[in-house]
Structures are given as structure tokens and as C-alpha cells.
Amino acid sequence: MIASCKKENSQSSSDKQQEADASLVSSESDGEAEMIFNGVFDDAIGVSNDVGMAGTGIFGRVTACYTITISHLSTTSAFPVRFVIDFGTAGCQGQDGHIRRGKVITEYTNRLIFPGAVATTTFYGFSVDSIKVEGTHKITNTSSNVTTQPIKRQFTADVIDGKLSKPNGNYTEWSSHKTVSQLEGLITPDYPRDDIFKIEGSAHGRVKKGSLLVAWESGISDALIKRFNCRWIVKGTVKIVRVNNTVNSPWVALLDFGTGDCDNKAEITINGVLYNITLH
């Protein structure tokens, strides 16, 4: 009886280290998934003016070592249409320094600037550097269908059964639902690289890193800020909580993307301890 009597809020040093490790790994994984699938969003919109707003994502930063195949899925209309971006098996190194391989396949129901349009992306043998990307990414234009100009664009972005796998057996499973609302760039609709959006919403995931297996939930505390002229999230915070933990736990992680600078740096705060990380 004496051996089993222990205060709930007391933790050994090893327990505390395990909690800290779990919080750090889950927040790093959430940030990595956010960045990779944010890139998928930019690429789906930026592939062509026929289906989006040409020049965003890799199409503003990557040398032309990929090929694009366009297939019209209807014999009577321009949509739906399928775009296949093929980076090949040898790899396509872009100006961003990353090497992409495999295929990204996106089907569009209409041009994404129009309310109600949907773009659904899947992957075939696709990887960014050594990270294999799987799952489904879906963009829906939820802008108000009004006649006043300029229309304020809004999208939902859903990642369904996303998975990022690494050669050493580590992986991240990630699903999310986000609302992406335009803040700036409305008066230049044909020049998307001055567009600025805010991202709100939540996600959940599970990460395996070595012997550690952690499930977590995350919610955006302060809206994330994305600029089409920058490949990283430049501002905003995300709160990450391990599943079955409480929001008041000292092991809640706060992922901070910065104050607006275009860089690959972010900070994670866990129980008062600050960790600096580099974004993918």
C-alpha cells in the first residue's frame, strides 16, 4: 500500500524527460507536416493560370527539370482536368535546395479562383529529399460568390490520412482541416506573389521516432501567416497537446513560426524551456 501511494502531480526525472521528448517530437512533426503540405497547397494553385494562379510554390522557385502532363477528363468541357507533375526517379533539385522525386497528381473541378472549385491531390512515389509523402490533399474555394470586386478569397485545405516516412523507419501520420483567408494582394489578382493569407484550424497526428510513439492534437492559437513569395510560414503559433494529456499540462508545446521574416527558423516552448528548430 505504501509503495503504490504517489501524488498524481509528482514525476521522476525520467518521467519528465519522457514528457519533454514526447512534446518536442510531436511539435517538430506537426511543424514539418505543416510545411510540406503547405507546399502542396502552393503548388496546386501555382501550376497554371488555367487551373489556378501561375507562379506560386515550386513554379516560382524550381528550375524546369519536371514535366507536366494534362488530361481533360471530359470530352465536352475543359473541366474536370488532371495535372500530373513528374519529377522523375533521378530527382529534380530546385532553387530551394530540395530534391523532389516521383509524381504529384491533382484533379481540378474548375479554376481554383472560382467559388466552389475543388482541387484534389494524391501522390505516386513522391518524396521531398528523403521524406516519402502519402495521403490526400484537398483544396476547396469557399469564397463568397458575390459580384462586388475585389472578391476576398477563402479556401479550406484538408489533409486526409497524410503520412511522411523516412528511410530509417520513422514516420509521421497527419490529418488537418484549415481555413486559408486572403489578407493582402486582392487588387492585383493576376500577380499572386504579393498575396498574403492567414491560416486557422486544427490537426492531429501520430509520430514514430525510434522507440517513441506519440499521438497528439494541435490547434492554431494565433493565425499562421503565409506569403506566396516565401516558402515558409512566416508568423503565428500552434499549440500541441499529447493525446490524453490536458491543455493545462506543463508539457503542452507552443510552436512559434516567428514575427514575419521569411526564414526557416521556428521556436518551440515546453514547460518554460525554449528549443530552436529548422523548418523543412
C-alpha atoms as a PDB file:
ATOM      1  CA  MET A   1       0.000   0.000   0.000  1.00  0.00           C
ATOM      2  CA  ILE A   2       2.802   2.413   0.843  1.00  0.00           C
ATOM      3  CA  ALA A   3       4.633   1.633  -2.417  1.00  0.00           C
ATOM      4  CA  SER A   4       1.527   2.359  -4.502  1.00  0.00           C
ATOM      5  CA  CYS A   5       0.752   5.675  -2.855  1.00  0.00           C
ATOM      6  CA  LYS A   6       2.034   8.534  -5.030  1.00  0.00           C
ATOM      7  CA  LYS A   7       0.887  12.068  -5.711  1.00  0.00           C
ATOM      8  CA  GLU A   8      -0.543  12.461  -9.205  1.00  0.00           C
ATOM      9  CA  ASN A   9       1.468  15.588  -9.916  1.00  0.00           C
ATOM     10  CA  SER A  10       4.810  14.135  -8.876  1.00  0.00           C
ATOM     11  CA  GLN A  11       7.127  12.896 -11.610  1.00  0.00           C
ATOM     12  CA  SER A  12      10.559  11.345 -11.604  1.00  0.00           C
ATOM     13  CA  SER A  13      13.332  12.853 -13.717  1.00  0.00           C
ATOM     14  CA  SER A  14      12.926  10.074 -16.283  1.00  0.00           C
ATOM     15  CA  ASP A  15       9.151  10.688 -16.483  1.00  0.00           C
ATOM     16  CA  LYS A  16       9.728  14.389 -17.022  1.00  0.00           C
ATOM     17  CA  GLN A  17      12.293  13.687 -19.725  1.00  0.00           C
ATOM     18  CA  GLN A  18       9.868  11.338 -21.479  1.00  0.00           C
ATOM     19  CA  GLU A  19       7.154  14.002 -21.406  1.00  0.00           C
ATOM     20  CA  ALA A  20       9.569  16.621 -22.720  1.00  0.00           C
ATOM     21  CA  ASP A  21      10.745  14.295 -25.502  1.00  0.00           C
ATOM     22  CA  ALA A  22       7.165  13.435 -26.469  1.00  0.00           C
ATOM     23  CA  SER A  23       6.185  17.127 -26.605  1.00  0.00           C
ATOM     24  CA  LEU A  24       9.254  18.092 -28.625  1.00  0.00           C
ATOM     25  CA  VAL A  25       8.943  15.257 -31.152  1.00  0.00           C
ATOM     26  CA  SER A  26       5.218  15.824 -31.704  1.00  0.00           C
ATOM     27  CA  SER A  27       5.627  19.588 -32.165  1.00  0.00           C
ATOM     28  CA  GLU A  28       8.566  19.119 -34.566  1.00  0.00           C
ATOM     29  CA  SER A  29       6.500  16.619 -36.549  1.00  0.00           C
ATOM     30  CA  ASP A  30       3.481  18.927 -36.637  1.00  0.00           C
ATOM     31  CA  GLY A  31       5.669  21.745 -37.959  1.00  0.00           C
ATOM     32  CA  GLU A  32       7.270  19.520 -40.598  1.00  0.00           C
ATOM     33  CA  ALA A  33       3.898  18.261 -41.840  1.00  0.00           C
ATOM     34  CA  GLU A  34       2.520  21.813 -41.882  1.00  0.00           C
ATOM     35  CA  MET A  35       5.379  22.971 -44.112  1.00  0.00           C
ATOM     36  CA  ILE A  36       5.319  20.057 -46.563  1.00  0.00           C
ATOM     37  CA  PHE A  37       1.562  20.129 -47.112  1.00  0.00           C
ATOM     38  CA  ASN A  38       1.578  23.934 -47.217  1.00  0.00           C
ATOM     39  CA  GLY A  39       3.929  23.467 -50.179  1.00  0.00           C
ATOM     40  CA  VAL A  40       1.407  21.121 -51.792  1.00  0.00           C
ATOM     41  CA  PHE A  41      -1.225  23.880 -51.445  1.00  0.00           C
ATOM     42  CA  ASP A  42       1.017  26.441 -53.155  1.00  0.00           C
ATOM     43  CA  ASP A  43       1.957  24.039 -55.958  1.00  0.00           C
ATOM     44  CA  ALA A  44      -1.662  23.069 -56.703  1.00  0.00           C
ATOM     45  CA  ILE A  45      -2.623  26.705 -57.078  1.00  0.00           C
ATOM     46  CA  GLY A  46       0.540  27.769 -58.898  1.00  0.00           C
ATOM     47  CA  VAL A  47       0.872  25.164 -61.638  1.00  0.00           C
ATOM     48  CA  SER A  48      -1.034  27.115 -64.315  1.00  0.00           C
ATOM     49  CA  ASN A  49      -3.395  30.037 -64.875  1.00  0.00           C
ATOM     50  CA  ASP A  50      -5.765  27.537 -66.470  1.00  0.00           C
ATOM     51  CA  VAL A  51      -6.419  25.941 -63.078  1.00  0.00           C
ATOM     52  CA  GLY A  52      -5.126  28.474 -60.562  1.00  0.00           C
ATOM     53  CA  MET A  53      -2.677  31.386 -60.384  1.00  0.00           C
ATOM     54  CA  ALA A  54       0.589  30.514 -62.120  1.00  0.00           C
ATOM     55  CA  GLY A  55       3.858  31.188 -60.382  1.00  0.00           C
ATOM     56  CA  THR A  56       3.348  30.124 -56.760  1.00  0.00           C
ATOM     57  CA  GLY A  57       5.098  27.282 -54.969  1.00  0.00           C
ATOM     58  CA  ILE A  58       7.768  25.422 -56.900  1.00  0.00           C
ATOM     59  CA  PHE A  59       6.696  27.156 -60.102  1.00  0.00           C
ATOM     60  CA  GLY A  60       8.267  30.359 -58.875  1.00  0.00           C
ATOM     61  CA  ARG A  61      11.391  28.747 -57.456  1.00  0.00           C
ATOM     62  CA  VAL A  62      12.311  25.457 -59.129  1.00  0.00           C
ATOM     63  CA  THR A  63      14.267  25.013 -62.343  1.00  0.00           C
ATOM     64  CA  ALA A  64      12.381  23.269 -65.135  1.00  0.00           C
ATOM     65  CA  CYS A  65      13.530  19.683 -64.549  1.00  0.00           C
ATOM     66  CA  TYR A  66       9.984  18.359 -64.191  1.00  0.00           C
ATOM     67  CA  THR A  67       7.400  17.514 -66.831  1.00  0.00           C
ATOM     68  CA  ILE A  68       3.670  18.244 -66.742  1.00  0.00           C
ATOM     69  CA  THR A  69       1.007  16.078 -68.367  1.00  0.00           C
ATOM     70  CA  ILE A  70      -2.507  17.466 -68.766  1.00  0.00           C
ATOM     71  CA  SER A  71      -5.529  15.207 -69.264  1.00  0.00           C
ATOM     72  CA  HIS A  72      -9.047  16.514 -69.827  1.00  0.00           C
ATOM     73  CA  LEU A  73     -11.471  14.092 -68.187  1.00  0.00           C
ATOM     74  CA  SER A  74     -14.464  15.297 -70.161  1.00  0.00           C
ATOM     75  CA  THR A  75     -14.959  15.318 -73.919  1.00  0.00           C
ATOM     76  CA  THR A  76     -17.368  18.247 -73.771  1.00  0.00           C
ATOM     77  CA  SER A  77     -15.824  20.730 -71.332  1.00  0.00           C
ATOM     78  CA  ALA A  78     -12.467  21.941 -70.022  1.00  0.00           C
ATOM     79  CA  PHE A  79     -13.129  20.528 -66.554  1.00  0.00           C
ATOM     80  CA  PRO A  80     -12.539  18.290 -64.772  1.00  0.00           C
ATOM     81  CA  VAL A  81      -8.876  18.225 -65.670  1.00  0.00           C
ATOM     82  CA  ARG A  82      -5.896  16.290 -64.291  1.00  0.00           C
ATOM     83  CA  PHE A  83      -2.378  17.714 -63.982  1.00  0.00           C
ATOM     84  CA  VAL A  84       0.493  15.296 -63.346  1.00  0.00           C
ATOM     85  CA  ILE A  85       3.792  16.848 -62.267  1.00  0.00           C
ATOM     86  CA  ASP A  86       6.542  14.295 -62.796  1.00  0.00           C
ATOM     87  CA  PHE A  87       9.892  14.960 -61.109  1.00  0.00           C
ATOM     88  CA  GLY A  88      11.359  11.705 -62.397  1.00  0.00           C
ATOM     89  CA  THR A  89      13.159   8.986 -60.473  1.00  0.00           C
ATOM     90  CA  ALA A  90      16.627  10.548 -60.544  1.00  0.00           C
ATOM     91  CA  GLY A  91      15.348  13.632 -58.746  1.00  0.00           C
ATOM     92  CA  CYS A  92      14.750  17.270 -59.560  1.00  0.00           C
ATOM     93  CA  GLN A  93      16.731  19.723 -57.446  1.00  0.00           C
ATOM     94  CA  GLY A  94      15.139  23.130 -57.193  1.00  0.00           C
ATOM     95  CA  GLN A  95      16.409  26.549 -56.314  1.00  0.00           C
ATOM     96  CA  ASP A  96      15.128  25.891 -52.793  1.00  0.00           C
ATOM     97  CA  GLY A  97      17.812  23.211 -52.428  1.00  0.00           C
ATOM     98  CA  HIS A  98      15.353  20.312 -52.051  1.00  0.00           C
ATOM     99  CA  ILE A  99      15.281  17.270 -54.313  1.00  0.00           C
ATOM    100  CA  ARG A 100      11.869  16.018 -55.432  1.00  0.00           C
ATOM    101  CA  ARG A 101      11.136  12.642 -56.979  1.00  0.00           C
ATOM    102  CA  GLY A 102       8.009  10.916 -58.218  1.00  0.00           C
ATOM    103  CA  LYS A 103       4.642  12.281 -59.270  1.00  0.00           C
ATOM    104  CA  VAL A 104       2.126  14.738 -57.833  1.00  0.00           C
ATOM    105  CA  ILE A 105      -1.351  14.250 -59.328  1.00  0.00           C
ATOM    106  CA  THR A 106      -4.034  16.930 -58.968  1.00  0.00           C
ATOM    107  CA  GLU A 107      -7.574  16.903 -60.366  1.00  0.00           C
ATOM    108  CA  TYR A 108      -9.464  20.203 -60.650  1.00  0.00           C
ATOM    109  CA  THR A 109     -13.226  20.640 -60.930  1.00  0.00           C
ATOM    110  CA  ASN A 110     -12.767  24.265 -62.043  1.00  0.00           C
ATOM    111  CA  ARG A 111     -10.197  27.055 -61.912  1.00  0.00           C
ATOM    112  CA  LEU A 112      -9.381  27.467 -58.219  1.00  0.00           C
ATOM    113  CA  ILE A 113     -10.050  31.209 -58.163  1.00  0.00           C
ATOM    114  CA  PHE A 114     -13.771  30.472 -58.591  1.00  0.00           C
ATOM    115  CA  PRO A 115     -16.038  29.765 -55.595  1.00  0.00           C
ATOM    116  CA  GLY A 116     -16.876  26.086 -55.284  1.00  0.00           C
ATOM    117  CA  ALA A 117     -13.834  24.850 -57.215  1.00  0.00           C
ATOM    118  CA  VAL A 118     -12.057  21.819 -55.746  1.00  0.00           C
ATOM    119  CA  ALA A 119      -8.517  20.525 -56.303  1.00  0.00           C
ATOM    120  CA  THR A 120      -7.687  17.044 -55.022  1.00  0.00           C
ATOM    121  CA  THR A 121      -4.047  15.965 -54.903  1.00  0.00           C
ATOM    122  CA  THR A 122      -2.591  12.480 -54.482  1.00  0.00           C
ATOM    123  CA  PHE A 123       0.979  11.216 -54.732  1.00  0.00           C
ATOM    124  CA  TYR A 124       2.706   8.437 -56.640  1.00  0.00           C
ATOM    125  CA  GLY A 125       6.183   7.582 -55.400  1.00  0.00           C
ATOM    126  CA  PHE A 126       6.620  11.229 -54.402  1.00  0.00           C
ATOM    127  CA  SER A 127       9.311  12.364 -51.987  1.00  0.00           C
ATOM    128  CA  VAL A 128      10.936  15.591 -50.853  1.00  0.00           C
ATOM    129  CA  ASP A 129      14.585  14.837 -50.156  1.00  0.00           C
ATOM    130  CA  SER A 130      14.381  11.551 -48.222  1.00  0.00           C
ATOM    131  CA  ILE A 131      10.803  12.064 -46.976  1.00  0.00           C
ATOM    132  CA  LYS A 132       8.153   9.985 -48.744  1.00  0.00           C
ATOM    133  CA  VAL A 133       4.809  11.821 -48.964  1.00  0.00           C
ATOM    134  CA  GLU A 134       1.463   9.981 -48.981  1.00  0.00           C
ATOM    135  CA  GLY A 135      -2.204  10.818 -48.417  1.00  0.00           C
ATOM    136  CA  THR A 136      -4.774  13.114 -49.988  1.00  0.00           C
ATOM    137  CA  HIS A 137      -4.700  16.914 -50.055  1.00  0.00           C
ATOM    138  CA  LYS A 138      -7.925  18.740 -50.900  1.00  0.00           C
ATOM    139  CA  ILE A 139      -8.464  22.454 -51.566  1.00  0.00           C
ATOM    140  CA  THR A 140     -11.973  23.915 -51.779  1.00  0.00           C
ATOM    141  CA  ASN A 141     -12.634  27.530 -52.737  1.00  0.00           C
ATOM    142  CA  THR A 142     -15.130  28.758 -50.127  1.00  0.00           C
ATOM    143  CA  SER A 143     -15.084  32.417 -51.178  1.00  0.00           C
ATOM    144  CA  SER A 144     -18.362  34.313 -51.142  1.00  0.00           C
ATOM    145  CA  ASN A 145     -19.974  34.225 -54.560  1.00  0.00           C
ATOM    146  CA  VAL A 146     -20.602  37.964 -54.806  1.00  0.00           C
ATOM    147  CA  THR A 147     -20.376  40.481 -57.625  1.00  0.00           C
ATOM    148  CA  THR A 148     -18.511  43.193 -55.722  1.00  0.00           C
ATOM    149  CA  GLN A 149     -14.816  43.464 -56.531  1.00  0.00           C
ATOM    150  CA  PRO A 150     -12.328  42.533 -55.422  1.00  0.00           C
ATOM    151  CA  ILE A 151     -13.634  39.231 -54.073  1.00  0.00           C
ATOM    152  CA  LYS A 152     -11.921  38.217 -50.847  1.00  0.00           C
ATOM    153  CA  ARG A 153     -10.603  34.725 -51.486  1.00  0.00           C
ATOM    154  CA  GLN A 154     -11.007  31.969 -48.947  1.00  0.00           C
ATOM    155  CA  PHE A 155     -10.167  28.278 -49.132  1.00  0.00           C
ATOM    156  CA  THR A 156     -10.374  25.219 -46.957  1.00  0.00           C
ATOM    157  CA  ALA A 157      -7.371  22.911 -47.040  1.00  0.00           C
ATOM    158  CA  ASP A 158      -7.780  19.336 -45.838  1.00  0.00           C
ATOM    159  CA  VAL A 159      -5.070  16.720 -45.427  1.00  0.00           C
ATOM    160  CA  ILE A 160      -6.636  13.271 -45.249  1.00  0.00           C
ATOM    161  CA  ASP A 161      -4.539  10.360 -43.957  1.00  0.00           C
ATOM    162  CA  GLY A 162      -1.275  12.148 -44.676  1.00  0.00           C
ATOM    163  CA  LYS A 163       1.926  10.256 -43.986  1.00  0.00           C
ATOM    164  CA  LEU A 164       5.573  11.316 -44.084  1.00  0.00           C
ATOM    165  CA  SER A 165       8.001   8.388 -43.976  1.00  0.00           C
ATOM    166  CA  LYS A 166      11.789   8.384 -43.573  1.00  0.00           C
ATOM    167  CA  PRO A 167      14.306   5.717 -44.622  1.00  0.00           C
ATOM    168  CA  ASN A 168      15.168   4.810 -41.009  1.00  0.00           C
ATOM    169  CA  GLY A 169      11.585   3.698 -40.324  1.00  0.00           C
ATOM    170  CA  ASN A 170      10.455   6.860 -38.560  1.00  0.00           C
ATOM    171  CA  TYR A 171       7.177   8.331 -39.777  1.00  0.00           C
ATOM    172  CA  THR A 172       4.516  10.945 -39.121  1.00  0.00           C
ATOM    173  CA  GLU A 173       0.795  10.373 -39.702  1.00  0.00           C
ATOM    174  CA  TRP A 174      -1.090  13.662 -40.008  1.00  0.00           C
ATOM    175  CA  SER A 175      -4.589  14.909 -40.846  1.00  0.00           C
ATOM    176  CA  SER A 176      -5.723  18.518 -40.724  1.00  0.00           C
ATOM    177  CA  HIS A 177      -8.522  20.925 -41.531  1.00  0.00           C
ATOM    178  CA  LYS A 178      -7.551  24.543 -42.152  1.00  0.00           C
ATOM    179  CA  THR A 179      -9.238  27.721 -43.385  1.00  0.00           C
ATOM    180  CA  VAL A 180      -6.997  29.887 -45.574  1.00  0.00           C
ATOM    181  CA  SER A 181      -8.215  33.502 -45.947  1.00  0.00           C
ATOM    182  CA  GLN A 182      -6.644  36.214 -48.082  1.00  0.00           C
ATOM    183  CA  LEU A 183      -5.452  39.351 -46.288  1.00  0.00           C
ATOM    184  CA  GLU A 184      -3.490  41.231 -48.968  1.00  0.00           C
ATOM    185  CA  GLY A 185      -2.995  41.210 -52.733  1.00  0.00           C
ATOM    186  CA  LEU A 186      -6.641  41.474 -53.739  1.00  0.00           C
ATOM    187  CA  ILE A 187      -6.101  44.458 -56.031  1.00  0.00           C
ATOM    188  CA  THR A 188      -3.543  42.525 -58.117  1.00  0.00           C
ATOM    189  CA  PRO A 189      -5.443  39.315 -58.958  1.00  0.00           C
ATOM    190  CA  ASP A 190      -3.091  38.409 -61.819  1.00  0.00           C
ATOM    191  CA  TYR A 191       0.029  38.672 -59.635  1.00  0.00           C
ATOM    192  CA  PRO A 192      -0.278  36.135 -56.795  1.00  0.00           C
ATOM    193  CA  ARG A 193       3.228  36.554 -55.418  1.00  0.00           C
ATOM    194  CA  ASP A 194       2.160  39.604 -53.418  1.00  0.00           C
ATOM    195  CA  ASP A 195      -0.718  37.673 -51.838  1.00  0.00           C
ATOM    196  CA  ILE A 196      -0.764  37.185 -48.074  1.00  0.00           C
ATOM    197  CA  PHE A 197      -3.095  34.723 -46.343  1.00  0.00           C
ATOM    198  CA  LYS A 198      -3.894  33.726 -42.782  1.00  0.00           C
ATOM    199  CA  ILE A 199      -4.391  30.097 -41.776  1.00  0.00           C
ATOM    200  CA  GLU A 200      -6.673  28.923 -38.970  1.00  0.00           C
ATOM    201  CA  GLY A 201      -7.733  25.461 -37.876  1.00  0.00           C
ATOM    202  CA  SER A 202      -6.522  22.260 -36.264  1.00  0.00           C
ATOM    203  CA  ALA A 203      -4.776  18.963 -36.893  1.00  0.00           C
ATOM    204  CA  HIS A 204      -3.994  15.658 -35.269  1.00  0.00           C
ATOM    205  CA  GLY A 205      -1.272  13.131 -35.813  1.00  0.00           C
ATOM    206  CA  ARG A 206       0.946  10.353 -34.620  1.00  0.00           C
ATOM    207  CA  VAL A 207       4.727  10.144 -34.854  1.00  0.00           C
ATOM    208  CA  LYS A 208       7.182   7.288 -34.528  1.00  0.00           C
ATOM    209  CA  LYS A 209      10.762   8.276 -33.819  1.00  0.00           C
ATOM    210  CA  GLY A 210      12.988   5.430 -32.743  1.00  0.00           C
ATOM    211  CA  SER A 211      11.285   3.690 -29.829  1.00  0.00           C
ATOM    212  CA  LEU A 212       8.997   6.667 -29.185  1.00  0.00           C
ATOM    213  CA  LEU A 213       5.396   6.587 -30.461  1.00  0.00           C
ATOM    214  CA  VAL A 214       3.285   9.667 -29.684  1.00  0.00           C
ATOM    215  CA  ALA A 215      -0.200  10.779 -30.720  1.00  0.00           C
ATOM    216  CA  TRP A 216      -1.070  14.462 -30.485  1.00  0.00           C
ATOM    217  CA  GLU A 217      -3.618  17.134 -31.335  1.00  0.00           C
ATOM    218  CA  SER A 218      -2.799  20.677 -32.413  1.00  0.00           C
ATOM    219  CA  GLY A 219      -4.703  23.925 -32.787  1.00  0.00           C
ATOM    220  CA  ILE A 220      -3.622  27.259 -34.217  1.00  0.00           C
ATOM    221  CA  SER A 221      -3.516  29.795 -31.378  1.00  0.00           C
ATOM    222  CA  ASP A 222      -2.524  32.861 -33.391  1.00  0.00           C
ATOM    223  CA  ALA A 223      -3.314  32.729 -37.099  1.00  0.00           C
ATOM    224  CA  LEU A 224      -0.437  31.495 -39.228  1.00  0.00           C
ATOM    225  CA  ILE A 225       0.663  33.938 -41.921  1.00  0.00           C
ATOM    226  CA  LYS A 226       1.693  32.641 -45.338  1.00  0.00           C
ATOM    227  CA  ARG A 227       3.057  34.704 -48.204  1.00  0.00           C
ATOM    228  CA  PHE A 228       3.212  33.315 -51.703  1.00  0.00           C
ATOM    229  CA  ASN A 229       6.647  34.905 -52.122  1.00  0.00           C
ATOM    230  CA  CYS A 230       8.042  32.827 -49.241  1.00  0.00           C
ATOM    231  CA  ARG A 231       8.111  29.036 -48.979  1.00  0.00           C
ATOM    232  CA  TRP A 232       7.819  29.026 -45.169  1.00  0.00           C
ATOM    233  CA  ILE A 233       5.110  30.095 -42.749  1.00  0.00           C
ATOM    234  CA  VAL A 234       6.379  33.469 -41.524  1.00  0.00           C
ATOM    235  CA  LYS A 235       4.299  34.107 -38.416  1.00  0.00           C
ATOM    236  CA  GLY A 236       1.830  32.572 -35.961  1.00  0.00           C
ATOM    237  CA  THR A 237       1.681  29.987 -33.176  1.00  0.00           C
ATOM    238  CA  VAL A 238       0.372  26.442 -32.807  1.00  0.00           C
ATOM    239  CA  LYS A 239      -0.436  24.693 -29.523  1.00  0.00           C
ATOM    240  CA  ILE A 240       0.341  20.962 -29.477  1.00  0.00           C
ATOM    241  CA  VAL A 241      -1.068  18.622 -26.810  1.00  0.00           C
ATOM    242  CA  ARG A 242      -0.312  14.923 -26.497  1.00  0.00           C
ATOM    243  CA  VAL A 243      -3.479  12.830 -26.732  1.00  0.00           C
ATOM    244  CA  ASN A 244      -4.884  12.049 -23.246  1.00  0.00           C
ATOM    245  CA  ASN A 245      -2.965  14.971 -21.790  1.00  0.00           C
ATOM    246  CA  THR A 246      -4.658  18.158 -20.560  1.00  0.00           C
ATOM    247  CA  VAL A 247      -4.433  21.647 -22.031  1.00  0.00           C
ATOM    248  CA  ASN A 248      -3.180  22.884 -18.653  1.00  0.00           C
ATOM    249  CA  SER A 249      -0.327  20.380 -18.579  1.00  0.00           C
ATOM    250  CA  PRO A 250       3.190  21.860 -18.382  1.00  0.00           C
ATOM    251  CA  TRP A 251       4.046  19.545 -21.306  1.00  0.00           C
ATOM    252  CA  VAL A 252       1.902  21.437 -23.795  1.00  0.00           C
ATOM    253  CA  ALA A 253       4.166  22.665 -26.596  1.00  0.00           C
ATOM    254  CA  LEU A 254       3.876  26.067 -28.258  1.00  0.00           C
ATOM    255  CA  LEU A 255       5.293  26.189 -31.790  1.00  0.00           C
ATOM    256  CA  ASP A 256       6.130  29.760 -32.838  1.00  0.00           C
ATOM    257  CA  PHE A 257       6.875  30.441 -36.524  1.00  0.00           C
ATOM    258  CA  GLY A 258       8.312  33.906 -35.870  1.00  0.00           C
ATOM    259  CA  THR A 259       7.387  37.560 -36.321  1.00  0.00           C
ATOM    260  CA  GLY A 260       7.152  37.837 -40.100  1.00  0.00           C
ATOM    261  CA  ASP A 261      10.634  37.254 -41.507  1.00  0.00           C
ATOM    262  CA  CYS A 262      10.961  34.828 -44.428  1.00  0.00           C
ATOM    263  CA  ASP A 263      13.237  32.194 -42.926  1.00  0.00           C
ATOM    264  CA  ASN A 264      13.258  28.534 -41.949  1.00  0.00           C
ATOM    265  CA  LYS A 265      13.553  29.140 -38.214  1.00  0.00           C
ATOM    266  CA  ALA A 266      10.969  28.433 -35.535  1.00  0.00           C
ATOM    267  CA  GLU A 267      10.860  28.085 -31.751  1.00  0.00           C
ATOM    268  CA  ILE A 268       9.187  25.529 -29.517  1.00  0.00           C
ATOM    269  CA  THR A 269       8.483  26.278 -25.853  1.00  0.00           C
ATOM    270  CA  ILE A 270       7.819  23.363 -23.492  1.00  0.00           C
ATOM    271  CA  ASN A 271       7.433  23.844 -19.734  1.00  0.00           C
ATOM    272  CA  GLY A 272       9.352  27.115 -19.937  1.00  0.00           C
ATOM    273  CA  VAL A 273      12.245  25.653 -21.955  1.00  0.00           C
ATOM    274  CA  LEU A 274      12.933  27.099 -25.424  1.00  0.00           C
ATOM    275  CA  TYR A 275      14.071  24.931 -28.339  1.00  0.00           C
ATOM    276  CA  ASN A 276      15.178  26.300 -31.727  1.00  0.00           C
ATOM    277  CA  ILE A 277      14.302  24.210 -34.796  1.00  0.00           C
ATOM    278  CA  THR A 278      14.912  24.426 -38.520  1.00  0.00           C
ATOM    279  CA  LEU A 279      11.884  24.003 -40.794  1.00  0.00           C
ATOM    280  CA  HIS A 280      11.953  21.748 -43.841  1.00  0.00           C
END
